[in-house]
N, C-alpha and C. Protein backbone atom coordinates (compact mmCIF):
# COMPACT_ATOMS: atom_id res chain seq x y z
N MET A 1 65.12 112.51 120.41
CA MET A 1 65.47 111.19 119.92
C MET A 1 66.86 111.22 119.29
N LEU A 2 67.58 110.14 119.52
CA LEU A 2 68.87 109.93 118.87
C LEU A 2 68.69 108.82 117.84
N LEU A 3 69.48 108.87 116.81
CA LEU A 3 69.46 107.81 115.80
C LEU A 3 70.66 106.91 116.03
N VAL A 4 70.42 105.60 116.01
CA VAL A 4 71.50 104.63 116.16
C VAL A 4 71.48 103.67 114.99
N ASP A 5 72.65 103.17 114.67
CA ASP A 5 72.78 102.08 113.71
C ASP A 5 73.14 100.84 114.51
N LYS A 6 72.63 99.70 114.07
CA LYS A 6 72.97 98.44 114.72
C LYS A 6 73.56 97.50 113.69
N THR A 7 74.63 96.84 114.09
CA THR A 7 75.28 95.87 113.22
C THR A 7 75.31 94.52 113.92
N PHE A 8 75.57 93.48 113.16
CA PHE A 8 75.67 92.14 113.73
C PHE A 8 76.85 91.41 113.12
N GLU A 9 77.31 90.40 113.85
CA GLU A 9 78.33 89.47 113.36
C GLU A 9 77.92 88.07 113.77
N ILE A 10 78.09 87.14 112.87
CA ILE A 10 77.84 85.73 113.15
C ILE A 10 79.14 84.97 112.93
N VAL A 11 79.52 84.20 113.93
CA VAL A 11 80.74 83.40 113.87
C VAL A 11 80.36 81.93 114.01
N THR A 12 80.83 81.13 113.08
CA THR A 12 80.64 79.68 113.16
C THR A 12 81.98 79.04 113.54
N ASN A 13 81.95 77.77 113.87
CA ASN A 13 83.22 77.08 114.18
C ASN A 13 84.17 77.15 113.00
N GLU A 14 83.63 76.99 111.80
CA GLU A 14 84.47 77.02 110.60
C GLU A 14 85.07 78.41 110.37
N SER A 15 84.25 79.44 110.52
CA SER A 15 84.78 80.78 110.28
C SER A 15 85.78 81.17 111.36
N ALA A 16 85.56 80.71 112.59
CA ALA A 16 86.49 81.01 113.68
C ALA A 16 87.85 80.37 113.41
N GLU A 17 87.86 79.17 112.83
CA GLU A 17 89.12 78.51 112.51
C GLU A 17 89.94 79.33 111.52
N ASN A 18 89.25 80.08 110.67
CA ASN A 18 89.91 80.92 109.67
C ASN A 18 90.11 82.35 110.15
N GLY A 19 89.71 82.64 111.40
CA GLY A 19 89.85 83.98 111.94
C GLY A 19 88.92 84.99 111.29
N GLU A 20 87.77 84.53 110.84
CA GLU A 20 86.83 85.40 110.12
C GLU A 20 85.44 85.27 110.72
N VAL A 21 84.56 86.14 110.27
CA VAL A 21 83.15 86.02 110.61
C VAL A 21 82.44 85.36 109.44
N ASP A 22 81.37 84.65 109.74
CA ASP A 22 80.61 83.98 108.68
C ASP A 22 79.70 84.97 107.97
N ASP A 23 79.14 85.90 108.73
CA ASP A 23 78.22 86.89 108.16
C ASP A 23 78.27 88.14 109.03
N ALA A 24 78.08 89.28 108.43
CA ALA A 24 78.06 90.56 109.16
C ALA A 24 77.28 91.56 108.34
N GLY A 25 76.70 92.53 109.02
CA GLY A 25 75.96 93.56 108.30
C GLY A 25 75.19 94.45 109.25
N PHE A 26 74.29 95.21 108.67
CA PHE A 26 73.44 96.12 109.45
C PHE A 26 72.12 95.43 109.76
N SER A 27 71.68 95.55 111.01
CA SER A 27 70.35 95.07 111.37
C SER A 27 69.38 96.25 111.51
N ALA A 28 69.91 97.47 111.65
CA ALA A 28 69.08 98.68 111.70
C ALA A 28 69.96 99.87 111.31
N ILE A 29 69.37 100.79 110.57
CA ILE A 29 70.05 102.03 110.19
C ILE A 29 69.15 103.20 110.56
N GLY A 30 69.68 104.12 111.35
CA GLY A 30 68.91 105.30 111.72
C GLY A 30 67.71 105.00 112.59
N GLU A 31 67.85 104.01 113.46
CA GLU A 31 66.75 103.65 114.37
C GLU A 31 66.63 104.69 115.47
N PRO A 32 65.45 105.31 115.64
CA PRO A 32 65.29 106.31 116.69
C PRO A 32 65.16 105.67 118.07
N VAL A 33 65.91 106.20 119.04
CA VAL A 33 65.82 105.75 120.43
C VAL A 33 65.78 106.98 121.32
N THR A 34 65.10 106.85 122.45
CA THR A 34 65.12 107.94 123.41
C THR A 34 66.44 107.90 124.16
N PHE A 35 66.75 108.98 124.85
CA PHE A 35 67.96 109.04 125.64
C PHE A 35 67.94 107.95 126.72
N ALA A 36 66.80 107.78 127.37
CA ALA A 36 66.67 106.77 128.42
C ALA A 36 66.86 105.36 127.85
N GLU A 37 66.32 105.10 126.67
CA GLU A 37 66.50 103.79 126.04
C GLU A 37 67.96 103.53 125.73
N LEU A 38 68.67 104.57 125.28
CA LEU A 38 70.09 104.42 124.97
C LEU A 38 70.89 104.11 126.23
N VAL A 39 70.66 104.85 127.29
CA VAL A 39 71.37 104.60 128.55
C VAL A 39 71.10 103.18 129.03
N ASN A 40 69.85 102.77 128.99
CA ASN A 40 69.47 101.42 129.41
C ASN A 40 70.16 100.35 128.54
N ALA A 41 70.20 100.57 127.23
CA ALA A 41 70.85 99.62 126.33
C ALA A 41 72.34 99.51 126.63
N LEU A 42 73.00 100.64 126.90
CA LEU A 42 74.43 100.61 127.21
C LEU A 42 74.70 99.95 128.56
N LYS A 43 73.79 100.09 129.50
CA LYS A 43 73.96 99.48 130.82
C LYS A 43 73.73 97.98 130.79
N HIS A 44 72.75 97.52 130.01
CA HIS A 44 72.30 96.15 130.15
C HIS A 44 72.52 95.25 128.94
N GLU A 45 72.56 95.80 127.76
CA GLU A 45 72.66 94.95 126.58
C GLU A 45 74.00 95.10 125.85
N PHE A 46 74.38 96.32 125.56
CA PHE A 46 75.62 96.59 124.80
C PHE A 46 76.69 97.08 125.77
N ARG A 47 77.30 96.15 126.48
CA ARG A 47 78.14 96.51 127.62
C ARG A 47 79.62 96.60 127.31
N HIS A 48 80.02 96.28 126.09
CA HIS A 48 81.46 96.26 125.77
C HIS A 48 81.80 97.36 124.79
N ALA A 49 82.57 98.35 125.27
CA ALA A 49 82.99 99.46 124.41
C ALA A 49 84.07 98.99 123.44
N SER A 50 84.12 99.63 122.28
CA SER A 50 85.12 99.28 121.27
C SER A 50 86.53 99.64 121.70
N GLN A 51 86.65 100.42 122.75
CA GLN A 51 87.96 100.75 123.31
C GLN A 51 87.79 101.01 124.80
N SER A 52 88.84 100.77 125.56
CA SER A 52 88.78 101.00 126.99
C SER A 52 90.11 101.56 127.46
N PRO A 53 90.11 102.71 128.12
CA PRO A 53 88.92 103.50 128.37
C PRO A 53 88.40 104.12 127.07
N ALA A 54 87.12 104.35 127.04
CA ALA A 54 86.50 104.92 125.85
C ALA A 54 86.84 106.39 125.74
N ASN A 55 87.17 106.83 124.52
CA ASN A 55 87.37 108.27 124.36
C ASN A 55 86.01 108.94 124.30
N ARG A 56 86.02 110.21 124.45
CA ARG A 56 84.76 110.97 124.51
C ARG A 56 84.38 111.39 123.09
N SER A 57 84.00 110.40 122.28
CA SER A 57 83.64 110.70 120.91
C SER A 57 82.51 109.80 120.44
N THR A 58 81.99 110.13 119.29
CA THR A 58 80.92 109.33 118.70
C THR A 58 81.48 108.15 117.92
N HIS A 59 82.80 108.00 117.89
CA HIS A 59 83.42 106.89 117.16
C HIS A 59 83.48 105.62 118.00
N VAL A 60 83.08 105.71 119.26
CA VAL A 60 83.04 104.55 120.13
C VAL A 60 81.72 103.82 119.89
N TRP A 61 81.78 102.50 119.69
CA TRP A 61 80.56 101.72 119.59
C TRP A 61 80.56 100.67 120.68
N PHE A 62 79.43 100.03 120.87
CA PHE A 62 79.26 99.09 121.97
C PHE A 62 78.70 97.78 121.45
N THR A 63 79.22 96.67 121.99
CA THR A 63 78.87 95.35 121.51
C THR A 63 78.26 94.52 122.64
N SER A 64 77.32 93.67 122.27
CA SER A 64 76.68 92.76 123.21
C SER A 64 77.53 91.52 123.41
N GLU A 65 77.20 90.74 124.42
CA GLU A 65 77.80 89.41 124.59
C GLU A 65 77.37 88.55 123.41
N SER A 66 78.24 87.67 122.95
CA SER A 66 77.86 86.73 121.91
C SER A 66 76.86 85.73 122.49
N GLU A 67 75.85 85.45 121.72
CA GLU A 67 74.87 84.44 122.13
C GLU A 67 74.93 83.29 121.14
N GLN A 68 74.92 82.08 121.67
CA GLN A 68 75.02 80.91 120.81
C GLN A 68 73.64 80.38 120.47
N ASP A 69 73.45 80.09 119.20
CA ASP A 69 72.27 79.38 118.73
C ASP A 69 72.58 77.90 118.89
N TYR A 70 71.93 77.26 119.83
CA TYR A 70 72.27 75.87 120.13
C TYR A 70 71.84 74.90 119.03
N MET A 71 70.98 75.33 118.15
CA MET A 71 70.58 74.48 117.02
C MET A 71 71.67 74.45 115.95
N THR A 72 72.28 75.61 115.69
CA THR A 72 73.27 75.70 114.60
C THR A 72 74.71 75.79 115.11
N GLY A 73 74.88 76.16 116.38
CA GLY A 73 76.22 76.34 116.94
C GLY A 73 76.81 77.70 116.64
N GLU A 74 76.09 78.55 115.90
CA GLU A 74 76.59 79.89 115.54
C GLU A 74 76.54 80.82 116.75
N TYR A 75 77.49 81.73 116.78
CA TYR A 75 77.51 82.79 117.79
C TYR A 75 77.16 84.10 117.11
N ARG A 76 76.25 84.85 117.70
CA ARG A 76 75.83 86.13 117.14
C ARG A 76 76.06 87.22 118.18
N SER A 77 76.67 88.31 117.74
CA SER A 77 76.80 89.49 118.59
C SER A 77 76.26 90.68 117.81
N GLU A 78 75.80 91.67 118.55
CA GLU A 78 75.28 92.89 117.94
C GLU A 78 76.01 94.08 118.52
N SER A 79 76.10 95.13 117.73
CA SER A 79 76.74 96.37 118.16
C SER A 79 75.82 97.54 117.88
N ILE A 80 75.97 98.58 118.70
CA ILE A 80 75.20 99.80 118.53
C ILE A 80 76.18 100.94 118.28
N HIS A 81 75.83 101.80 117.32
CA HIS A 81 76.70 102.89 116.87
C HIS A 81 75.91 104.19 116.83
N PHE A 82 76.59 105.31 117.08
CA PHE A 82 76.01 106.63 116.86
C PHE A 82 75.85 106.79 115.36
N SER A 83 74.63 107.05 114.91
CA SER A 83 74.38 107.15 113.47
C SER A 83 74.92 108.45 112.90
N PRO A 84 75.58 108.38 111.75
CA PRO A 84 76.04 109.61 111.10
C PRO A 84 74.88 110.46 110.58
N ASP A 85 73.66 109.93 110.62
CA ASP A 85 72.48 110.70 110.21
C ASP A 85 72.03 111.67 111.29
N ASN A 86 72.61 111.59 112.50
CA ASN A 86 72.29 112.54 113.56
C ASN A 86 72.88 113.90 113.24
N PRO A 87 72.19 114.97 113.60
CA PRO A 87 72.84 116.28 113.52
C PRO A 87 73.99 116.33 114.54
N SER A 88 75.03 117.07 114.25
CA SER A 88 76.23 117.08 115.10
C SER A 88 75.91 117.51 116.54
N ARG A 89 74.87 118.29 116.74
CA ARG A 89 74.53 118.74 118.09
C ARG A 89 74.08 117.58 118.99
N LYS A 90 73.75 116.42 118.42
CA LYS A 90 73.31 115.26 119.19
C LYS A 90 74.48 114.48 119.78
N ALA A 91 75.70 114.76 119.34
CA ALA A 91 76.88 114.02 119.81
C ALA A 91 77.03 114.10 121.33
N LYS A 92 76.71 115.24 121.92
CA LYS A 92 76.88 115.39 123.37
C LYS A 92 75.99 114.41 124.14
N TYR A 93 74.87 114.02 123.56
CA TYR A 93 73.97 113.09 124.24
C TYR A 93 74.53 111.66 124.20
N TRP A 94 75.23 111.31 123.15
CA TRP A 94 75.89 110.00 123.07
C TRP A 94 76.92 109.89 124.19
N ILE A 95 77.71 110.95 124.35
CA ILE A 95 78.76 110.96 125.37
C ILE A 95 78.16 110.96 126.77
N LYS A 96 77.10 111.73 126.97
CA LYS A 96 76.42 111.77 128.27
C LYS A 96 75.81 110.40 128.58
N ALA A 97 75.27 109.72 127.60
CA ALA A 97 74.72 108.38 127.81
C ALA A 97 75.82 107.41 128.26
N MET A 98 77.01 107.54 127.66
CA MET A 98 78.13 106.70 128.08
C MET A 98 78.43 106.94 129.55
N GLN A 99 78.48 108.20 129.95
CA GLN A 99 78.77 108.53 131.34
C GLN A 99 77.72 107.95 132.28
N LEU A 100 76.45 108.14 131.96
CA LEU A 100 75.38 107.66 132.83
C LEU A 100 75.30 106.13 132.88
N ALA A 101 75.77 105.47 131.83
CA ALA A 101 75.76 104.01 131.79
C ALA A 101 76.96 103.43 132.54
N GLY A 102 77.86 104.30 133.01
CA GLY A 102 79.01 103.83 133.77
C GLY A 102 80.18 103.37 132.93
N VAL A 103 80.24 103.82 131.67
CA VAL A 103 81.35 103.44 130.80
C VAL A 103 82.61 104.15 131.28
N LYS A 104 83.70 103.39 131.37
CA LYS A 104 84.98 103.98 131.76
C LYS A 104 85.46 104.86 130.62
N LEU A 105 85.57 106.16 130.89
CA LEU A 105 85.95 107.13 129.87
C LEU A 105 87.38 107.61 130.09
N SER A 106 88.02 107.96 129.00
CA SER A 106 89.35 108.55 129.05
C SER A 106 89.31 109.84 129.84
N ASN A 107 90.39 110.13 130.55
CA ASN A 107 90.47 111.37 131.32
C ASN A 107 90.88 112.56 130.47
N ASP A 108 91.17 112.32 129.21
CA ASP A 108 91.62 113.38 128.32
C ASP A 108 90.41 114.21 127.87
N HIS A 109 90.21 115.33 128.53
CA HIS A 109 89.07 116.20 128.20
C HIS A 109 89.41 117.14 127.04
N ASN A 110 90.64 117.08 126.55
CA ASN A 110 91.06 117.98 125.46
C ASN A 110 90.86 117.34 124.07
N GLN A 111 90.26 116.16 124.05
CA GLN A 111 90.07 115.47 122.77
C GLN A 111 89.06 116.17 121.89
N GLY A 112 88.14 116.85 122.51
CA GLY A 112 87.05 117.42 121.73
C GLY A 112 86.09 116.32 121.33
N VAL A 113 85.04 116.68 120.69
CA VAL A 113 84.06 115.69 120.25
C VAL A 113 84.33 115.41 118.78
N ASN A 114 84.50 114.14 118.48
CA ASN A 114 84.66 113.71 117.10
C ASN A 114 83.31 113.32 116.57
N TYR A 115 82.82 114.04 115.62
CA TYR A 115 81.51 113.74 115.06
C TYR A 115 81.62 112.61 114.06
N ALA A 116 80.61 111.77 114.05
CA ALA A 116 80.60 110.61 113.15
C ALA A 116 80.59 111.05 111.71
């Protein structure tokens, strides 16, 4: 099992006018997921890497498409992060999940693994 943290952001029309988010925070800390669940989440739910091409590190996080609440007009997006509560030996699985999910990765193999 890998541990992931999940964060969220809510943007309203008013906050967008000011270039800010209305609310943000953690929706889960240290949530255990299987390797298969992580790959599936990166393929289907959290499809946008924090950088492109993504470097081969645990500092890359992934964000979902914003979904609008039609009752309030708010837009909510969620992100998934490699939890710093993971032992460092788990970092290779985060990177392997990125590869299997089809994330465009940097060709720089000399970066080493940056642990969260």
